[in-house]
Protein backbone atom coordinates (compact mmCIF):
# COMPACT_ATOMS: atom_id res chain seq x y z
CA UNK A 1 151.91 26.18 -84.94
CA UNK A 2 154.16 25.94 -81.90
CA UNK A 3 153.69 23.17 -79.33
CA UNK A 4 155.03 23.42 -75.82
CA UNK A 5 155.97 20.17 -74.17
CA UNK A 6 154.29 20.20 -70.76
CA UNK A 7 154.79 16.64 -69.51
CA UNK A 8 157.18 13.73 -69.41
CA UNK A 9 155.35 10.40 -69.61
CA UNK A 10 156.32 6.78 -69.11
CA UNK A 11 156.89 5.62 -72.68
CA UNK A 12 154.98 2.37 -72.12
CA UNK A 13 151.84 4.42 -71.40
CA UNK A 14 151.72 5.73 -74.95
CA UNK A 15 152.07 2.33 -76.57
CA UNK A 16 155.85 2.02 -76.81
CA UNK A 17 156.72 -1.61 -75.92
CA UNK A 18 159.53 -0.88 -73.46
CA UNK A 19 158.38 -2.55 -70.23
CA UNK A 20 160.63 -5.24 -68.78
CA UNK A 21 158.53 -7.88 -70.58
CA UNK A 22 158.73 -6.04 -73.91
CA UNK A 23 155.10 -4.92 -73.73
CA UNK A 24 153.30 -1.59 -73.37
CA UNK A 25 150.59 -0.46 -70.93
CA UNK A 26 148.66 1.90 -73.16
CA UNK A 27 146.74 4.83 -71.66
CA UNK A 28 144.63 6.69 -74.23
CA UNK A 29 144.79 10.04 -72.43
CA UNK A 30 148.58 9.91 -72.21
CA UNK A 31 148.87 8.82 -75.84
CA UNK A 32 146.74 11.83 -76.89
CA UNK A 33 149.11 14.18 -75.04
CA UNK A 34 152.08 12.72 -76.94
CA UNK A 35 150.27 12.92 -80.31
CA UNK A 36 149.39 16.57 -79.57
CA UNK A 37 153.11 17.19 -78.87
CA UNK A 38 152.35 18.22 -75.29
CA UNK A 39 154.18 15.26 -73.77
CA UNK A 40 157.53 13.60 -74.30
CA UNK A 41 157.77 9.83 -73.72
CA UNK A 42 160.72 8.48 -71.73
CA UNK A 43 161.73 5.09 -70.37
CA UNK A 44 164.18 5.69 -67.52
CA UNK A 45 165.24 2.05 -67.44
CA UNK A 46 166.20 2.12 -71.13
CA UNK A 47 167.83 5.54 -70.71
CA UNK A 48 169.86 3.95 -67.91
CA UNK A 49 171.16 1.27 -70.27
CA UNK A 50 168.88 -1.71 -69.70
CA UNK A 51 167.65 -3.75 -72.70
CA UNK A 52 164.14 -4.65 -73.85
CA UNK A 53 163.09 -7.19 -72.72
CA UNK A 54 164.90 -7.45 -69.39
CA UNK A 55 164.54 -9.20 -66.06
CA UNK A 56 161.84 -7.80 -63.81
CA UNK A 57 163.20 -5.97 -60.78
CA UNK A 58 162.12 -4.68 -57.40
CA UNK A 59 163.41 -2.26 -54.81
CA UNK A 60 164.88 -4.37 -52.01
CA UNK A 61 163.48 -2.30 -49.10
CA UNK A 62 161.88 1.10 -48.72
CA UNK A 63 161.28 2.86 -52.02
CA UNK A 64 163.02 5.05 -54.59
CA UNK A 65 163.97 7.66 -52.00
CA UNK A 66 166.01 5.00 -50.21
CA UNK A 67 167.73 3.99 -53.47
CA UNK A 68 168.67 7.64 -54.12
CA UNK A 69 170.02 7.89 -50.53
CA UNK A 70 172.00 4.68 -51.21
CA UNK A 71 170.30 2.85 -48.33
CA UNK A 72 168.55 0.37 -50.61
CA UNK A 73 169.07 -1.32 -53.97
CA UNK A 74 167.14 -2.43 -57.04
CA UNK A 75 167.56 -6.17 -57.59
CA UNK A 76 166.52 -8.25 -60.61
CA UNK A 77 164.56 -11.46 -60.18
CA UNK A 78 167.85 -13.31 -60.70
CA UNK A 79 169.56 -11.30 -57.93
CA UNK A 80 171.55 -8.89 -60.13
CA UNK A 81 172.09 -5.37 -58.76
CA UNK A 82 170.39 -3.01 -61.23
CA UNK A 83 170.73 0.07 -59.00
CA UNK A 84 173.31 1.86 -61.20
CA UNK A 85 171.07 1.50 -64.26
CA UNK A 86 167.98 2.87 -62.52
CA UNK A 87 169.89 5.76 -60.97
CA UNK A 88 171.50 6.62 -64.34
CA UNK A 89 168.06 6.54 -65.99
CA UNK A 90 166.46 8.67 -63.27
CA UNK A 91 169.11 11.38 -63.57
CA UNK A 92 168.97 11.27 -67.40
CA UNK A 93 165.18 11.69 -67.20
CA UNK A 94 165.58 14.63 -64.84
CA UNK A 95 168.03 16.28 -67.26
CA UNK A 96 165.45 15.97 -70.04
CA UNK A 97 162.83 17.57 -67.79
CA UNK A 98 165.19 20.44 -66.98
CA UNK A 99 166.18 20.96 -70.62
CA UNK A 100 162.53 21.35 -71.67
CA UNK A 101 161.50 23.12 -68.41
CA UNK A 102 158.96 20.38 -67.69
CA UNK A 103 157.45 20.40 -64.21
CA UNK A 104 154.87 17.56 -64.52
CA UNK A 105 154.97 13.88 -65.38
CA UNK A 106 152.54 11.01 -65.89
CA UNK A 107 154.21 7.84 -64.66
CA UNK A 108 153.18 4.19 -64.53
CA UNK A 109 152.32 2.55 -61.20
CA UNK A 110 154.16 -0.42 -59.69
CA UNK A 111 157.46 0.04 -61.55
CA UNK A 112 160.75 0.21 -59.58
CA UNK A 113 161.60 3.22 -61.73
CA UNK A 114 158.34 4.94 -62.71
CA UNK A 115 156.12 3.74 -59.88
CA UNK A 116 154.09 6.62 -58.52
CA UNK A 117 152.49 5.84 -55.17
CA UNK A 118 152.81 2.10 -55.75
CA UNK A 119 155.73 -0.26 -56.22
CA UNK A 120 156.01 -4.03 -55.96
CA UNK A 121 158.06 -5.98 -53.46
CA UNK A 122 158.12 -9.78 -53.65
CA UNK A 123 155.22 -9.51 -56.09
CA UNK A 124 153.02 -7.60 -53.62
CA UNK A 125 151.92 -4.01 -54.27
CA UNK A 126 153.34 -1.67 -51.63
CA UNK A 127 153.00 2.06 -51.01
CA UNK A 128 155.97 4.02 -52.34
CA UNK A 129 157.62 5.63 -55.35
CA UNK A 130 160.07 4.26 -57.89
CA UNK A 131 163.55 5.74 -58.29
CA UNK A 132 162.74 8.21 -61.09
CA UNK A 133 159.51 9.39 -59.46
CA UNK A 134 161.29 9.88 -56.12
CA UNK A 135 163.93 12.00 -57.86
CA UNK A 136 161.30 14.02 -59.73
CA UNK A 137 159.43 14.73 -56.50
CA UNK A 138 162.66 15.63 -54.71
CA UNK A 139 163.27 18.21 -57.47
CA UNK A 140 159.77 19.66 -57.09
CA UNK A 141 158.07 18.07 -60.09
CA UNK A 142 154.40 17.10 -59.89
CA UNK A 143 153.95 13.43 -60.71
CA UNK A 144 150.58 11.95 -61.66
CA UNK A 145 150.01 8.22 -61.30
CA UNK A 146 148.59 6.15 -64.16
């Protein structure tokens, strides 16, 4: 039986403990898609070279579109510039999508990378997209928030 991968999904949504705090944010529907081999889990921050666990981070101003345009940065709670890691992870994730001809993704809210419709700034939820989601949308992918 052949399975066609239809989605990329934030790895933490299918139970993989890859969030900055080393935990997962499990979503049963997303996990079912992965088990049925219809979805491929990714963690853009890990693909970009960041460890698990790692410092939490936020987009300094604007959202992921501004980071891609190089008019904003992603800064860790300790003040370290994590922008190169998030950009590297976003572009690596996009390459995976292109390789498998994937046009849809389920991504986790509030993340500086995977945030879809919501990100955090100074601990407050703000409207906007993370770096990977902004790149996906720029490339015409449909992104669904979880």
